[in-house]
């Protein structure tokens, strides 16, 4: 399977030379620690908190596309790295209605129990509950949800996997309104077979 990563020519040369691609890093736990104690359910949460970069839409990982043209036109003066990836990978489509139903089920049926087992301050737990309810409220109103809070999908991935200490699937993808093609994020870099 092929993915295409948009980058500068200078970075492309480094990636090819080293046979390594540096994933986007982001400490979502630190971000949530800052916003949750005062989270009131409004969707206007900060895209950035002090000392961190902007929240990446799908969290940490290697961002790419599944077609060359989308990667080539993603930014001005860019180059494209082709990523050969293991065909036997687990991919999760965040637009898939079945995924949204599973998310709804988890948040309604399991989330509060898991939250209560965590050693967190009560104001942070309350923030998580408000966050859960915000996700549930907007989960089926995606277009409005994404317009105001596209980084919520990084938080959703965190809640479903890291928060529960579950291993993430290899790849997530979703179509965002800012791009013609779906964004892909590679979470499992060990399945990258080659870079060229």
Protein backbone atom coordinates (compact mmCIF):
# COMPACT_ATOMS: atom_id res chain seq x y z
CA UNK A 1 0.00 0.00 0.00
CA UNK A 2 1.29 3.46 -0.84
CA UNK A 3 0.92 6.71 1.09
CA UNK A 4 2.25 10.14 0.15
CA UNK A 5 3.75 12.58 2.66
CA UNK A 6 3.96 16.29 1.79
CA UNK A 7 7.18 17.98 2.95
CA UNK A 8 9.92 20.36 1.81
CA UNK A 9 12.59 19.22 -0.66
CA UNK A 10 15.21 19.59 2.09
CA UNK A 11 13.22 17.35 4.44
CA UNK A 12 12.53 14.85 1.68
CA UNK A 13 16.27 14.44 1.11
CA UNK A 14 16.84 13.91 4.86
CA UNK A 15 14.02 11.37 5.02
CA UNK A 16 15.33 9.41 2.03
CA UNK A 17 18.93 9.55 3.25
CA UNK A 18 18.12 8.39 6.79
CA UNK A 19 15.26 6.05 5.82
CA UNK A 20 13.35 7.62 8.71
CA UNK A 21 10.38 9.94 8.86
CA UNK A 22 9.80 11.97 12.01
CA UNK A 23 6.16 11.81 13.10
CA UNK A 24 4.19 14.81 14.29
CA UNK A 25 4.45 14.89 18.08
CA UNK A 26 1.87 16.30 20.47
CA UNK A 27 1.24 15.75 24.16
CA UNK A 28 -2.55 15.48 24.24
CA UNK A 29 -2.54 14.62 27.95
CA UNK A 30 -0.79 17.91 28.75
CA UNK A 31 -3.25 19.74 26.51
CA UNK A 32 -6.25 18.14 28.26
CA UNK A 33 -4.73 18.85 31.70
CA UNK A 34 -4.77 22.55 30.76
CA UNK A 35 -8.24 22.78 29.19
CA UNK A 36 -10.36 20.28 31.15
CA UNK A 37 -10.50 21.92 34.60
CA UNK A 38 -12.37 24.88 33.05
CA UNK A 39 -14.08 23.16 30.12
CA UNK A 40 -17.72 24.23 30.05
CA UNK A 41 -18.90 22.41 26.94
CA UNK A 42 -18.38 25.25 24.51
CA UNK A 43 -16.58 24.13 21.44
CA UNK A 44 -14.29 27.14 21.38
CA UNK A 45 -11.41 25.50 23.20
CA UNK A 46 -7.92 26.65 22.37
CA UNK A 47 -6.22 25.12 19.36
CA UNK A 48 -2.97 25.75 21.16
CA UNK A 49 -1.88 25.98 24.79
CA UNK A 50 1.29 27.57 26.13
CA UNK A 51 4.40 25.60 25.31
CA UNK A 52 2.77 23.39 22.69
CA UNK A 53 2.08 23.50 19.00
CA UNK A 54 -1.42 23.55 17.50
CA UNK A 55 -3.42 20.38 18.11
CA UNK A 56 -2.94 18.09 15.08
CA UNK A 57 -6.32 16.96 13.72
CA UNK A 58 -5.63 13.24 14.21
CA UNK A 59 -3.07 13.38 17.00
CA UNK A 60 0.50 12.13 16.81
CA UNK A 61 1.80 10.23 13.81
CA UNK A 62 2.99 10.53 10.22
CA UNK A 63 0.49 12.55 8.19
CA UNK A 64 -0.04 11.59 4.58
CA UNK A 65 -2.52 11.06 1.77
CA UNK A 66 -3.48 8.00 -0.24
CA UNK A 67 -2.90 9.75 -3.56
CA UNK A 68 0.09 11.61 -4.93
CA UNK A 69 -1.79 14.64 -6.31
CA UNK A 70 -3.31 15.53 -2.95
CA UNK A 71 0.11 15.42 -1.29
CA UNK A 72 1.69 17.41 -4.11
CA UNK A 73 -0.92 20.17 -3.93
CA UNK A 74 -1.20 20.25 -0.13
CA UNK A 75 1.26 23.10 0.38
CA UNK A 76 3.22 25.55 -1.76
CA UNK A 77 6.80 24.67 -2.76
CA UNK A 78 6.62 21.17 -1.39
CA UNK A 79 7.91 17.77 -2.35
CA UNK A 80 6.41 14.35 -1.80
CA UNK A 81 7.81 11.29 -0.07
CA UNK A 82 6.27 7.98 -1.12
CA UNK A 83 5.69 5.64 1.82
CA UNK A 84 5.43 1.93 1.12
CA UNK A 85 3.33 0.51 3.94
CA UNK A 86 2.41 -3.01 5.00
CA UNK A 87 -0.81 -4.07 3.26
CA UNK A 88 -1.75 -6.09 6.34
CA UNK A 89 -2.52 -3.10 8.50
CA UNK A 90 -5.52 -2.07 10.53
CA UNK A 91 -7.09 1.14 9.22
CA UNK A 92 -9.88 3.02 10.95
CA UNK A 93 -12.14 5.32 8.93
CA UNK A 94 -13.33 8.00 11.35
CA UNK A 95 -16.14 8.91 8.93
CA UNK A 96 -17.58 5.41 8.94
CA UNK A 97 -21.03 5.27 10.62
CA UNK A 98 -20.07 1.97 12.29
CA UNK A 99 -17.10 3.70 13.93
CA UNK A 100 -19.40 6.49 15.14
CA UNK A 101 -21.85 3.96 16.60
CA UNK A 102 -18.99 2.21 18.44
CA UNK A 103 -17.81 5.57 19.75
CA UNK A 104 -21.34 6.41 20.90
CA UNK A 105 -21.65 3.02 22.62
CA UNK A 106 -18.31 3.40 24.39
CA UNK A 107 -19.05 6.91 25.63
CA UNK A 108 -22.54 5.97 26.83
CA UNK A 109 -21.80 2.56 28.31
CA UNK A 110 -18.17 2.35 29.47
CA UNK A 111 -16.54 5.75 29.66
CA UNK A 112 -17.80 6.88 33.09
CA UNK A 113 -16.72 3.61 34.73
CA UNK A 114 -13.23 3.91 33.26
CA UNK A 115 -13.03 7.58 34.24
CA UNK A 116 -13.95 6.79 37.84
CA UNK A 117 -11.05 4.31 38.04
CA UNK A 118 -8.55 7.05 37.13
CA UNK A 119 -6.69 8.97 39.83
CA UNK A 120 -7.64 12.43 38.62
CA UNK A 121 -8.72 15.60 40.39
CA UNK A 122 -12.49 15.98 40.56
CA UNK A 123 -12.46 19.12 38.40
CA UNK A 124 -10.54 17.23 35.70
CA UNK A 125 -13.02 14.32 35.91
CA UNK A 126 -15.86 16.79 35.55
CA UNK A 127 -14.11 18.28 32.50
CA UNK A 128 -13.85 14.79 30.96
CA UNK A 129 -17.59 14.25 31.54
CA UNK A 130 -18.42 17.57 29.89
CA UNK A 131 -16.08 16.64 27.02
CA UNK A 132 -17.84 13.28 26.66
CA UNK A 133 -21.24 14.96 26.52
CA UNK A 134 -19.98 17.50 24.00
CA UNK A 135 -18.75 14.70 21.73
CA UNK A 136 -22.05 12.84 22.07
CA UNK A 137 -24.05 15.97 21.32
CA UNK A 138 -22.14 16.77 18.14
CA UNK A 139 -21.18 13.29 16.98
CA UNK A 140 -23.88 13.12 14.34
CA UNK A 141 -23.66 16.79 13.39
CA UNK A 142 -20.18 16.40 11.95
CA UNK A 143 -20.11 19.37 9.59
CA UNK A 144 -20.83 21.88 12.34
CA UNK A 145 -18.63 19.98 14.77
CA UNK A 146 -15.62 20.02 12.47
CA UNK A 147 -15.99 23.70 11.58
CA UNK A 148 -15.63 24.76 15.20
CA UNK A 149 -13.44 22.04 16.64
CA UNK A 150 -11.62 19.86 14.05
CA UNK A 151 -8.99 18.83 16.62
CA UNK A 152 -11.70 16.93 18.54
CA UNK A 153 -10.83 13.87 16.47
CA UNK A 154 -7.37 13.76 18.07
CA UNK A 155 -9.14 13.79 21.43
CA UNK A 156 -11.55 11.05 20.33
CA UNK A 157 -8.62 8.83 19.29
CA UNK A 158 -6.98 9.53 22.66
CA UNK A 159 -10.16 8.63 24.58
CA UNK A 160 -10.68 5.39 22.65
CA UNK A 161 -7.11 4.13 22.86
CA UNK A 162 -4.57 5.88 25.11
CA UNK A 163 -7.06 6.73 27.85
CA UNK A 164 -8.09 3.05 27.96
CA UNK A 165 -4.50 1.75 27.59
CA UNK A 166 -5.47 0.01 24.35
CA UNK A 167 -3.16 -0.38 21.41
CA UNK A 168 -3.99 1.98 18.58
CA UNK A 169 -4.74 0.67 15.09
CA UNK A 170 -1.98 1.22 12.53
CA UNK A 171 -3.67 3.99 10.54
CA UNK A 172 -6.57 6.42 11.00
CA UNK A 173 -8.13 8.52 8.28
CA UNK A 174 -10.83 11.10 7.87
CA UNK A 175 -12.04 13.58 5.28
CA UNK A 176 -11.76 17.15 6.59
CA UNK A 177 -13.33 20.12 4.83
CA UNK A 178 -9.93 21.86 4.45
CA UNK A 179 -8.72 19.23 2.00
CA UNK A 180 -10.07 17.46 -1.11
CA UNK A 181 -8.83 14.05 0.03
CA UNK A 182 -8.87 12.29 3.39
CA UNK A 183 -5.99 12.89 5.79
CA UNK A 184 -4.27 9.71 6.89
CA UNK A 185 -2.14 9.41 9.99
CA UNK A 186 0.22 6.49 10.43
CA UNK A 187 0.39 5.54 14.09
CA UNK A 188 2.46 2.38 13.69
CA UNK A 189 5.69 3.44 11.98
CA UNK A 190 7.11 -0.10 12.28
CA UNK A 191 4.94 -1.10 9.31
CA UNK A 192 6.64 1.41 7.00
CA UNK A 193 8.49 -0.76 4.52
CA UNK A 194 10.33 1.91 2.56
CA UNK A 195 10.54 5.63 1.86
CA UNK A 196 11.34 7.10 -1.53
